[in-house]
N, C-alpha and C. Protein backbone atom coordinates (compact mmCIF):
# COMPACT_ATOMS: atom_id res chain seq x y z
N MET A 1 -58.98 245.36 -57.50
CA MET A 1 -58.92 244.55 -56.30
C MET A 1 -58.69 245.49 -55.13
N PRO A 2 -59.51 245.37 -54.08
CA PRO A 2 -59.36 246.27 -52.95
C PRO A 2 -58.12 245.92 -52.15
N THR A 3 -57.55 246.89 -51.55
CA THR A 3 -56.38 246.66 -50.71
C THR A 3 -56.68 247.16 -49.32
N GLY A 4 -55.91 246.76 -48.36
CA GLY A 4 -56.10 247.25 -47.00
C GLY A 4 -56.99 246.34 -46.21
N GLY A 5 -57.81 246.96 -45.30
CA GLY A 5 -58.59 246.20 -44.35
C GLY A 5 -59.95 245.83 -44.81
N GLY A 6 -60.33 246.04 -46.07
CA GLY A 6 -61.65 245.70 -46.57
C GLY A 6 -61.83 244.20 -46.68
N PRO A 7 -63.01 243.81 -47.14
CA PRO A 7 -63.26 242.36 -47.29
C PRO A 7 -62.34 241.76 -48.33
N LYS A 8 -61.99 240.55 -48.07
CA LYS A 8 -61.09 239.84 -48.99
C LYS A 8 -61.91 239.26 -50.12
N PRO A 9 -61.31 239.21 -51.30
CA PRO A 9 -62.03 238.57 -52.38
C PRO A 9 -62.26 237.10 -52.06
N PRO A 10 -63.29 236.48 -52.65
CA PRO A 10 -63.61 235.09 -52.33
C PRO A 10 -62.44 234.15 -52.55
N SER A 11 -61.64 234.37 -53.57
CA SER A 11 -60.54 233.45 -53.83
C SER A 11 -59.50 233.51 -52.74
N SER A 12 -59.28 234.67 -52.15
CA SER A 12 -58.27 234.74 -51.10
C SER A 12 -58.81 234.19 -49.79
N ALA A 13 -60.16 234.19 -49.64
CA ALA A 13 -60.76 233.69 -48.41
C ALA A 13 -60.59 232.18 -48.29
N ILE A 14 -60.55 231.47 -49.40
CA ILE A 14 -60.44 230.01 -49.33
C ILE A 14 -59.04 229.54 -49.68
N SER A 15 -58.17 230.45 -49.98
CA SER A 15 -56.83 230.06 -50.35
C SER A 15 -56.08 229.58 -49.13
N ASN A 16 -55.34 228.51 -49.29
CA ASN A 16 -54.54 228.01 -48.18
C ASN A 16 -53.07 227.99 -48.56
N THR A 17 -52.71 228.89 -49.44
CA THR A 17 -51.32 228.88 -49.91
C THR A 17 -50.56 230.14 -49.56
N GLY A 18 -51.21 231.08 -48.91
CA GLY A 18 -50.52 232.34 -48.60
C GLY A 18 -49.47 232.14 -47.53
N PRO A 19 -48.53 233.09 -47.42
CA PRO A 19 -47.45 232.94 -46.46
C PRO A 19 -47.92 233.05 -45.02
N ASN A 20 -49.03 233.70 -44.76
CA ASN A 20 -49.52 233.86 -43.40
C ASN A 20 -50.63 232.87 -43.06
N TYR A 21 -50.93 231.88 -43.92
CA TYR A 21 -52.03 230.94 -43.71
C TYR A 21 -51.69 230.01 -42.56
N GLN A 22 -52.56 229.98 -41.58
CA GLN A 22 -52.35 229.10 -40.44
C GLN A 22 -53.40 228.00 -40.40
N GLY A 23 -54.42 228.10 -41.18
CA GLY A 23 -55.47 227.09 -41.23
C GLY A 23 -56.42 227.23 -40.06
N GLU A 24 -57.58 226.55 -40.15
CA GLU A 24 -58.56 226.59 -39.08
C GLU A 24 -58.71 225.17 -38.54
N ASP A 25 -58.94 225.08 -37.24
CA ASP A 25 -59.10 223.77 -36.62
C ASP A 25 -60.59 223.44 -36.58
N PHE A 26 -61.02 222.57 -37.52
CA PHE A 26 -62.43 222.20 -37.59
C PHE A 26 -62.75 221.03 -36.66
N SER A 27 -61.74 220.49 -35.97
CA SER A 27 -61.98 219.36 -35.07
C SER A 27 -62.59 219.81 -33.75
N ILE A 28 -62.49 221.08 -33.46
CA ILE A 28 -63.05 221.60 -32.22
C ILE A 28 -64.32 222.36 -32.57
N ALA A 29 -65.48 221.87 -32.03
CA ALA A 29 -66.75 222.52 -32.33
C ALA A 29 -66.82 223.85 -31.58
N PRO A 30 -67.40 224.83 -32.22
CA PRO A 30 -67.55 226.11 -31.53
C PRO A 30 -68.38 225.95 -30.26
N LYS A 31 -68.10 226.75 -29.29
CA LYS A 31 -68.72 226.66 -27.97
C LYS A 31 -70.24 226.82 -28.04
N HIS A 32 -70.71 227.71 -28.89
CA HIS A 32 -72.15 227.95 -28.94
C HIS A 32 -72.92 226.75 -29.50
N LEU A 33 -72.29 225.94 -30.40
CA LEU A 33 -72.96 224.73 -30.91
C LEU A 33 -73.08 223.69 -29.82
N LYS A 34 -72.06 223.57 -29.01
CA LYS A 34 -72.11 222.60 -27.91
C LYS A 34 -73.18 222.99 -26.90
N GLU A 35 -73.34 224.27 -26.65
CA GLU A 35 -74.37 224.74 -25.73
C GLU A 35 -75.76 224.41 -26.27
N GLN A 36 -75.94 224.59 -27.58
CA GLN A 36 -77.24 224.28 -28.19
C GLN A 36 -77.57 222.79 -28.05
N LEU A 37 -76.58 221.95 -28.25
CA LEU A 37 -76.79 220.51 -28.11
C LEU A 37 -77.17 220.15 -26.68
N ALA A 38 -76.50 220.73 -25.71
CA ALA A 38 -76.79 220.43 -24.30
C ALA A 38 -78.20 220.88 -23.95
N THR A 39 -78.60 222.04 -24.40
CA THR A 39 -79.95 222.55 -24.13
C THR A 39 -80.99 221.64 -24.78
N SER A 40 -80.72 221.25 -26.01
CA SER A 40 -81.66 220.37 -26.74
C SER A 40 -81.81 219.05 -26.01
N LEU A 41 -80.74 218.55 -25.46
CA LEU A 41 -80.78 217.25 -24.77
C LEU A 41 -81.63 217.36 -23.50
N VAL A 42 -81.57 218.51 -22.83
CA VAL A 42 -82.33 218.69 -21.59
C VAL A 42 -83.79 218.98 -21.90
N THR A 43 -84.04 219.85 -22.86
CA THR A 43 -85.42 220.25 -23.13
C THR A 43 -86.16 219.25 -23.99
N GLU A 44 -85.47 218.60 -24.92
CA GLU A 44 -86.11 217.62 -25.79
C GLU A 44 -85.27 216.35 -25.84
N PRO A 45 -85.28 215.54 -24.79
CA PRO A 45 -84.46 214.33 -24.82
C PRO A 45 -84.96 213.37 -25.90
N PRO A 46 -84.05 212.59 -26.53
CA PRO A 46 -84.49 211.62 -27.54
C PRO A 46 -85.43 210.60 -26.90
N VAL A 47 -86.47 210.29 -27.60
CA VAL A 47 -87.48 209.37 -27.10
C VAL A 47 -87.43 208.09 -27.93
N GLN A 48 -87.48 206.94 -27.26
CA GLN A 48 -87.53 205.68 -27.98
C GLN A 48 -88.92 205.52 -28.58
N PRO A 49 -88.98 205.00 -29.80
CA PRO A 49 -90.29 204.78 -30.38
C PRO A 49 -91.09 203.78 -29.53
N PRO A 50 -92.40 203.89 -29.54
CA PRO A 50 -93.22 202.96 -28.73
C PRO A 50 -92.93 201.51 -29.15
N GLY A 51 -92.79 200.65 -28.15
CA GLY A 51 -92.59 199.22 -28.41
C GLY A 51 -91.18 198.85 -28.80
N CYS A 52 -90.25 199.79 -28.82
CA CYS A 52 -88.87 199.50 -29.25
C CYS A 52 -88.23 198.47 -28.33
N HIS A 53 -88.41 198.65 -27.03
CA HIS A 53 -87.81 197.72 -26.07
C HIS A 53 -88.41 196.32 -26.22
N ARG A 54 -89.74 196.27 -26.43
CA ARG A 54 -90.43 194.98 -26.61
C ARG A 54 -89.89 194.26 -27.86
N VAL A 55 -89.70 195.00 -28.96
CA VAL A 55 -89.15 194.42 -30.19
C VAL A 55 -87.71 193.98 -29.97
N TRP A 56 -86.96 194.78 -29.25
CA TRP A 56 -85.55 194.46 -28.98
C TRP A 56 -85.44 193.15 -28.19
N LYS A 57 -86.38 192.93 -27.23
CA LYS A 57 -86.36 191.71 -26.43
C LYS A 57 -86.67 190.47 -27.29
N LYS A 58 -87.42 190.66 -28.37
CA LYS A 58 -87.81 189.52 -29.22
C LYS A 58 -86.72 189.12 -30.22
N ILE A 59 -85.71 189.94 -30.37
CA ILE A 59 -84.67 189.66 -31.38
C ILE A 59 -83.98 188.32 -31.12
N PRO A 60 -83.56 187.98 -29.90
CA PRO A 60 -82.93 186.66 -29.70
C PRO A 60 -83.86 185.50 -30.07
N VAL A 61 -85.17 185.66 -29.78
CA VAL A 61 -86.13 184.60 -30.12
C VAL A 61 -86.23 184.48 -31.64
N LYS A 62 -86.32 185.63 -32.31
CA LYS A 62 -86.38 185.59 -33.78
C LYS A 62 -85.13 184.96 -34.36
N ARG A 63 -83.97 185.34 -33.80
CA ARG A 63 -82.71 184.78 -34.29
C ARG A 63 -82.70 183.26 -34.10
N ALA A 64 -83.17 182.79 -32.95
CA ALA A 64 -83.22 181.35 -32.69
C ALA A 64 -84.17 180.66 -33.65
N ASP A 65 -85.34 181.29 -33.91
CA ASP A 65 -86.31 180.71 -34.85
C ASP A 65 -85.72 180.63 -36.26
N VAL A 66 -85.05 181.69 -36.67
CA VAL A 66 -84.44 181.71 -38.02
C VAL A 66 -83.36 180.63 -38.11
N ASN A 67 -82.51 180.55 -37.09
CA ASN A 67 -81.45 179.52 -37.10
C ASN A 67 -82.05 178.12 -37.12
N LYS A 68 -83.12 177.92 -36.35
CA LYS A 68 -83.80 176.62 -36.32
C LYS A 68 -84.37 176.28 -37.70
N HIS A 69 -84.96 177.27 -38.34
CA HIS A 69 -85.54 177.07 -39.68
C HIS A 69 -84.45 176.66 -40.69
N TYR A 70 -83.33 177.39 -40.67
CA TYR A 70 -82.26 177.07 -41.62
C TYR A 70 -81.60 175.74 -41.30
N LYS A 71 -81.57 175.37 -40.04
CA LYS A 71 -81.06 174.06 -39.65
C LYS A 71 -81.97 172.97 -40.24
N LYS A 72 -83.31 173.20 -40.18
CA LYS A 72 -84.25 172.25 -40.78
C LYS A 72 -84.03 172.13 -42.28
N LEU A 73 -83.81 173.28 -42.95
CA LEU A 73 -83.55 173.25 -44.39
C LEU A 73 -82.30 172.44 -44.70
N THR A 74 -81.25 172.69 -43.93
CA THR A 74 -79.99 171.98 -44.15
C THR A 74 -80.17 170.48 -43.91
N THR A 75 -80.91 170.14 -42.86
CA THR A 75 -81.16 168.72 -42.55
C THR A 75 -81.96 168.06 -43.68
N ALA A 76 -82.97 168.76 -44.18
CA ALA A 76 -83.78 168.22 -45.28
C ALA A 76 -82.92 168.02 -46.53
N LEU A 77 -82.05 168.97 -46.78
CA LEU A 77 -81.17 168.86 -47.95
C LEU A 77 -80.19 167.70 -47.78
N ASP A 78 -79.64 167.54 -46.57
CA ASP A 78 -78.76 166.41 -46.30
C ASP A 78 -79.49 165.08 -46.50
N LYS A 79 -80.75 165.01 -46.03
CA LYS A 79 -81.55 163.79 -46.18
C LYS A 79 -81.77 163.48 -47.66
N LYS A 80 -82.09 164.52 -48.44
CA LYS A 80 -82.30 164.32 -49.88
C LYS A 80 -81.00 163.83 -50.52
N GLY A 81 -79.88 164.40 -50.11
CA GLY A 81 -78.59 163.96 -50.63
C GLY A 81 -78.33 162.50 -50.30
N GLU A 82 -78.62 162.11 -49.06
CA GLU A 82 -78.44 160.71 -48.66
C GLU A 82 -79.33 159.79 -49.49
N ASP A 83 -80.60 160.22 -49.71
CA ASP A 83 -81.52 159.41 -50.51
C ASP A 83 -80.99 159.24 -51.94
N LEU A 84 -80.50 160.34 -52.52
CA LEU A 84 -79.95 160.25 -53.89
C LEU A 84 -78.72 159.35 -53.91
N HIS A 85 -77.86 159.48 -52.91
CA HIS A 85 -76.67 158.61 -52.85
C HIS A 85 -77.08 157.15 -52.72
N THR A 86 -78.11 156.88 -51.92
CA THR A 86 -78.59 155.51 -51.76
C THR A 86 -79.10 154.96 -53.09
N GLU A 87 -79.88 155.78 -53.80
CA GLU A 87 -80.40 155.35 -55.11
C GLU A 87 -79.25 155.09 -56.09
N ILE A 88 -78.30 156.00 -56.12
CA ILE A 88 -77.15 155.85 -57.02
C ILE A 88 -76.36 154.60 -56.65
N ASP A 89 -76.12 154.40 -55.34
CA ASP A 89 -75.39 153.21 -54.89
C ASP A 89 -76.14 151.93 -55.27
N THR A 90 -77.48 151.95 -55.17
CA THR A 90 -78.29 150.78 -55.54
C THR A 90 -78.15 150.50 -57.03
N ILE A 91 -78.22 151.54 -57.85
CA ILE A 91 -78.07 151.37 -59.30
C ILE A 91 -76.69 150.82 -59.64
N ILE A 92 -75.67 151.40 -59.03
CA ILE A 92 -74.30 150.95 -59.30
C ILE A 92 -74.11 149.50 -58.83
N GLN A 93 -74.66 149.17 -57.66
CA GLN A 93 -74.54 147.80 -57.17
C GLN A 93 -75.25 146.82 -58.11
N GLY A 94 -76.40 147.22 -58.65
CA GLY A 94 -77.11 146.38 -59.61
C GLY A 94 -76.28 146.16 -60.87
N MET A 95 -75.65 147.22 -61.34
CA MET A 95 -74.80 147.09 -62.53
C MET A 95 -73.58 146.21 -62.23
N LYS A 96 -73.02 146.33 -61.04
CA LYS A 96 -71.88 145.48 -60.66
C LYS A 96 -72.31 144.02 -60.60
N SER A 97 -73.51 143.77 -60.08
CA SER A 97 -74.01 142.39 -60.03
C SER A 97 -74.19 141.84 -61.43
N GLU A 98 -74.70 142.67 -62.33
CA GLU A 98 -74.86 142.26 -63.72
C GLU A 98 -73.50 141.93 -64.35
N ILE A 99 -72.51 142.76 -64.05
CA ILE A 99 -71.15 142.53 -64.57
C ILE A 99 -70.62 141.21 -64.01
N ASP A 100 -70.83 140.98 -62.71
CA ASP A 100 -70.35 139.73 -62.10
C ASP A 100 -71.03 138.51 -62.75
N GLU A 101 -72.32 138.62 -63.06
CA GLU A 101 -73.05 137.51 -63.68
C GLU A 101 -72.50 137.23 -65.09
N ILE A 102 -72.30 138.28 -65.87
CA ILE A 102 -71.74 138.11 -67.22
C ILE A 102 -70.33 137.53 -67.14
N ASP A 103 -69.55 138.03 -66.18
CA ASP A 103 -68.18 137.54 -65.98
C ASP A 103 -68.21 136.04 -65.65
N ALA A 104 -69.12 135.63 -64.77
CA ALA A 104 -69.22 134.22 -64.40
C ALA A 104 -69.60 133.36 -65.60
N GLN A 105 -70.54 133.86 -66.44
CA GLN A 105 -70.94 133.11 -67.63
C GLN A 105 -69.77 132.97 -68.60
N HIS A 106 -69.05 134.06 -68.81
CA HIS A 106 -67.91 134.00 -69.74
C HIS A 106 -66.82 133.08 -69.21
N ASN A 107 -66.54 133.17 -67.92
CA ASN A 107 -65.51 132.29 -67.35
C ASN A 107 -65.93 130.82 -67.39
N ALA A 108 -67.23 130.56 -67.22
CA ALA A 108 -67.71 129.17 -67.31
C ALA A 108 -67.53 128.65 -68.73
N ALA A 109 -67.82 129.48 -69.72
CA ALA A 109 -67.63 129.07 -71.12
C ALA A 109 -66.14 128.86 -71.43
N ILE A 110 -65.30 129.74 -70.90
CA ILE A 110 -63.84 129.60 -71.13
C ILE A 110 -63.35 128.33 -70.43
N ASP A 111 -63.85 128.06 -69.22
CA ASP A 111 -63.46 126.83 -68.51
C ASP A 111 -63.88 125.60 -69.31
N GLN A 112 -65.08 125.65 -69.89
CA GLN A 112 -65.56 124.52 -70.70
C GLN A 112 -64.65 124.32 -71.91
N GLN A 113 -64.27 125.40 -72.57
CA GLN A 113 -63.38 125.29 -73.72
C GLN A 113 -62.01 124.76 -73.29
N GLU A 114 -61.52 125.24 -72.15
CA GLU A 114 -60.23 124.77 -71.65
C GLU A 114 -60.28 123.26 -71.36
N ASP A 115 -61.40 122.80 -70.75
CA ASP A 115 -61.55 121.37 -70.46
C ASP A 115 -61.53 120.55 -71.75
N ALA A 116 -62.22 121.04 -72.78
CA ALA A 116 -62.27 120.32 -74.06
C ALA A 116 -60.87 120.24 -74.67
N ILE A 117 -60.13 121.34 -74.64
CA ILE A 117 -58.78 121.34 -75.22
C ILE A 117 -57.85 120.45 -74.39
N ASN A 118 -57.97 120.50 -73.07
CA ASN A 118 -57.15 119.62 -72.22
C ASN A 118 -57.45 118.15 -72.51
N HIS A 119 -58.72 117.83 -72.76
CA HIS A 119 -59.08 116.45 -73.09
C HIS A 119 -58.41 116.02 -74.40
N ILE A 120 -58.44 116.92 -75.40
CA ILE A 120 -57.81 116.61 -76.69
C ILE A 120 -56.31 116.42 -76.51
N ILE A 121 -55.68 117.30 -75.75
CA ILE A 121 -54.23 117.19 -75.52
C ILE A 121 -53.91 115.88 -74.82
N THR A 122 -54.71 115.52 -73.84
CA THR A 122 -54.49 114.25 -73.13
C THR A 122 -54.66 113.08 -74.09
N GLU A 123 -55.66 113.16 -74.94
CA GLU A 123 -55.91 112.07 -75.91
C GLU A 123 -54.77 111.98 -76.92
N ILE A 124 -54.29 113.14 -77.41
CA ILE A 124 -53.18 113.14 -78.37
C ILE A 124 -51.94 112.56 -77.71
N THR A 125 -51.68 112.93 -76.46
CA THR A 125 -50.52 112.40 -75.74
C THR A 125 -50.62 110.88 -75.60
N ARG A 126 -51.81 110.40 -75.30
CA ARG A 126 -52.02 108.95 -75.18
C ARG A 126 -51.79 108.25 -76.53
N VAL A 127 -52.29 108.83 -77.62
CA VAL A 127 -52.12 108.24 -78.95
C VAL A 127 -50.64 108.21 -79.33
N ILE A 128 -49.93 109.26 -79.00
CA ILE A 128 -48.49 109.31 -79.31
C ILE A 128 -47.77 108.19 -78.55
N GLN A 129 -48.16 107.98 -77.30
CA GLN A 129 -47.55 106.89 -76.53
C GLN A 129 -47.85 105.52 -77.17
N GLU A 130 -49.09 105.34 -77.67
CA GLU A 130 -49.45 104.09 -78.34
C GLU A 130 -48.64 103.90 -79.61
N LEU A 131 -48.45 104.98 -80.37
CA LEU A 131 -47.66 104.90 -81.60
C LEU A 131 -46.22 104.49 -81.29
N LYS A 132 -45.67 105.08 -80.25
CA LYS A 132 -44.29 104.73 -79.85
C LYS A 132 -44.22 103.24 -79.48
N SER A 133 -45.27 102.76 -78.80
CA SER A 133 -45.31 101.34 -78.42
C SER A 133 -45.40 100.45 -79.66
N LEU A 134 -46.19 100.88 -80.63
CA LEU A 134 -46.33 100.11 -81.87
C LEU A 134 -45.02 100.07 -82.65
N LEU A 135 -44.28 101.17 -82.59
CA LEU A 135 -42.99 101.19 -83.28
C LEU A 135 -42.00 100.21 -82.63
N ASP A 136 -42.13 100.05 -81.36
CA ASP A 136 -41.21 99.17 -80.64
C ASP A 136 -41.68 97.70 -80.63
N THR A 137 -42.90 97.45 -81.05
CA THR A 137 -43.41 96.07 -81.00
C THR A 137 -43.11 95.31 -82.30
N SER A 138 -43.08 94.04 -82.17
CA SER A 138 -42.91 93.20 -83.35
C SER A 138 -44.21 92.45 -83.65
N ASP A 139 -45.27 92.81 -82.93
CA ASP A 139 -46.57 92.17 -83.13
C ASP A 139 -47.25 92.81 -84.34
N VAL A 140 -47.36 92.04 -85.40
CA VAL A 140 -47.92 92.51 -86.66
C VAL A 140 -49.42 92.75 -86.51
N TYR A 141 -50.07 91.94 -85.73
CA TYR A 141 -51.50 92.10 -85.56
C TYR A 141 -51.82 93.47 -84.96
N LEU A 142 -51.12 93.89 -83.93
CA LEU A 142 -51.37 95.20 -83.30
C LEU A 142 -51.10 96.34 -84.28
N VAL A 143 -50.04 96.22 -85.06
CA VAL A 143 -49.70 97.28 -86.02
C VAL A 143 -50.78 97.34 -87.09
N SER A 144 -51.30 96.20 -87.54
CA SER A 144 -52.31 96.19 -88.59
C SER A 144 -53.66 96.70 -88.10
N GLN A 145 -53.91 96.62 -86.84
CA GLN A 145 -55.17 97.10 -86.27
C GLN A 145 -55.19 98.62 -86.06
N TYR A 146 -54.06 99.24 -86.11
CA TYR A 146 -53.97 100.69 -85.85
C TYR A 146 -54.69 101.47 -86.93
N THR A 147 -55.52 102.44 -86.52
CA THR A 147 -56.15 103.37 -87.46
C THR A 147 -55.76 104.78 -87.01
N SER A 148 -55.40 105.54 -87.96
CA SER A 148 -54.95 106.91 -87.68
C SER A 148 -56.13 107.76 -87.17
N ARG A 149 -55.83 108.58 -86.22
CA ARG A 149 -56.83 109.51 -85.67
C ARG A 149 -56.46 110.97 -85.98
N THR A 150 -55.56 111.15 -86.93
CA THR A 150 -55.08 112.48 -87.27
C THR A 150 -56.23 113.39 -87.69
N GLU A 151 -57.13 112.90 -88.51
CA GLU A 151 -58.27 113.73 -88.96
C GLU A 151 -59.14 114.14 -87.78
N GLU A 152 -59.31 113.24 -86.85
CA GLU A 152 -60.12 113.54 -85.67
C GLU A 152 -59.50 114.68 -84.85
N PHE A 153 -58.18 114.69 -84.76
CA PHE A 153 -57.50 115.71 -83.96
C PHE A 153 -57.35 117.05 -84.69
N ARG A 154 -57.57 117.06 -85.97
CA ARG A 154 -57.51 118.32 -86.71
C ARG A 154 -58.74 119.19 -86.43
N ILE A 155 -59.79 118.56 -86.01
CA ILE A 155 -61.01 119.30 -85.72
C ILE A 155 -60.94 119.75 -84.26
N LEU A 156 -60.77 121.04 -84.08
CA LEU A 156 -60.70 121.59 -82.73
C LEU A 156 -62.10 121.85 -82.19
N PRO A 157 -62.23 121.87 -80.89
CA PRO A 157 -63.54 122.21 -80.34
C PRO A 157 -63.93 123.63 -80.74
N ALA A 158 -65.21 123.89 -80.71
CA ALA A 158 -65.70 125.22 -81.11
C ALA A 158 -65.03 126.29 -80.25
N GLN A 159 -64.58 127.32 -80.94
CA GLN A 159 -63.95 128.44 -80.24
C GLN A 159 -65.03 129.26 -79.55
N PHE A 160 -64.74 129.62 -78.34
CA PHE A 160 -65.66 130.46 -77.60
C PHE A 160 -65.45 131.90 -78.02
N GLN A 161 -66.48 132.48 -78.58
CA GLN A 161 -66.42 133.88 -79.00
C GLN A 161 -67.04 134.71 -77.88
N VAL A 162 -66.25 135.56 -77.30
CA VAL A 162 -66.74 136.38 -76.21
C VAL A 162 -66.88 137.83 -76.69
N THR A 163 -68.02 138.38 -76.41
CA THR A 163 -68.25 139.79 -76.69
C THR A 163 -68.29 140.48 -75.34
N LEU A 164 -67.23 141.20 -75.04
CA LEU A 164 -67.14 141.84 -73.74
C LEU A 164 -68.02 143.08 -73.70
N PRO A 165 -68.74 143.24 -72.62
CA PRO A 165 -69.58 144.43 -72.51
C PRO A 165 -68.71 145.67 -72.29
N THR A 166 -69.25 146.80 -72.59
CA THR A 166 -68.57 148.07 -72.33
C THR A 166 -69.48 148.94 -71.48
N PHE A 167 -68.87 149.88 -70.83
CA PHE A 167 -69.63 150.84 -70.03
C PHE A 167 -69.49 152.19 -70.69
N THR A 168 -70.61 152.76 -71.05
CA THR A 168 -70.62 154.08 -71.68
C THR A 168 -71.40 155.02 -70.76
N PRO A 169 -70.67 155.80 -69.97
CA PRO A 169 -71.39 156.70 -69.05
C PRO A 169 -72.03 157.85 -69.81
N HIS A 170 -73.19 158.22 -69.36
CA HIS A 170 -73.86 159.38 -69.94
C HIS A 170 -73.29 160.64 -69.30
N GLU A 171 -73.34 161.71 -70.06
CA GLU A 171 -72.89 162.98 -69.51
C GLU A 171 -73.86 163.39 -68.41
N MET A 172 -73.31 163.88 -67.31
CA MET A 172 -74.18 164.28 -66.21
C MET A 172 -74.97 165.51 -66.59
N ASN A 173 -76.26 165.44 -66.34
CA ASN A 173 -77.13 166.57 -66.61
C ASN A 173 -77.42 167.25 -65.28
N ILE A 174 -76.69 168.32 -65.01
CA ILE A 174 -76.79 169.01 -63.74
C ILE A 174 -78.21 169.54 -63.51
N GLU A 175 -78.87 169.95 -64.58
CA GLU A 175 -80.23 170.47 -64.46
C GLU A 175 -81.18 169.39 -63.94
N GLN A 176 -81.04 168.16 -64.48
CA GLN A 176 -81.89 167.06 -64.01
C GLN A 176 -81.58 166.72 -62.56
N ILE A 177 -80.29 166.77 -62.20
CA ILE A 177 -79.92 166.50 -60.81
C ILE A 177 -80.54 167.55 -59.90
N ASN A 178 -80.44 168.81 -60.31
CA ASN A 178 -81.06 169.88 -59.53
C ASN A 178 -82.56 169.67 -59.39
N GLN A 179 -83.22 169.20 -60.46
CA GLN A 179 -84.66 168.94 -60.40
C GLN A 179 -84.95 167.81 -59.42
N GLN A 180 -84.08 166.80 -59.39
CA GLN A 180 -84.26 165.69 -58.46
C GLN A 180 -84.09 166.14 -57.02
N ILE A 181 -83.18 167.06 -56.78
CA ILE A 181 -82.92 167.54 -55.43
C ILE A 181 -84.05 168.42 -54.94
N GLY A 182 -84.50 169.33 -55.78
CA GLY A 182 -85.56 170.26 -55.40
C GLY A 182 -85.02 171.68 -55.44
N SER A 183 -85.79 172.60 -54.90
CA SER A 183 -85.37 174.00 -54.92
C SER A 183 -85.83 174.70 -53.67
N LEU A 184 -85.24 175.84 -53.43
CA LEU A 184 -85.66 176.70 -52.32
C LEU A 184 -86.74 177.64 -52.82
N SER A 185 -87.70 177.91 -51.99
CA SER A 185 -88.73 178.88 -52.38
C SER A 185 -89.07 179.77 -51.21
């Protein structure tokens, strides 16, 4: 290894750990580089490409056109969504109407059964009152004319058998919904 004022070995040239290392300030460009830049700027100034200013002026128009286009897309998508919601609401309203119709039929049948049972109860109550009157009477003719209606009252009106509908929703098929909405191209 050479000593003294000769060239330093490469490792010592890049070493930043020696006791006399002060470092170099790379933030300040050397004076001759700055002079070259100034000369270059005077002798060969940067030139805008042809039509650059014309293209630059069209950018706001292009931006407005693009925004207008995407606004149209959004509006069309909103309209499609409204149409689908309207169709879904129509289907649901139709099903609700069907439910209301079935409900009305079942309630009418239940009302009919209730009326028949109320009639029987009223008739039984009337017969019981007649029996009590017969027990209190001494008229043999009225007692001998009595015929039991017990067998008649044992037969109840036909029971209304109701089969309630159920709602079984189908699993949503997102792919079919996407097909109904459409796609971007």
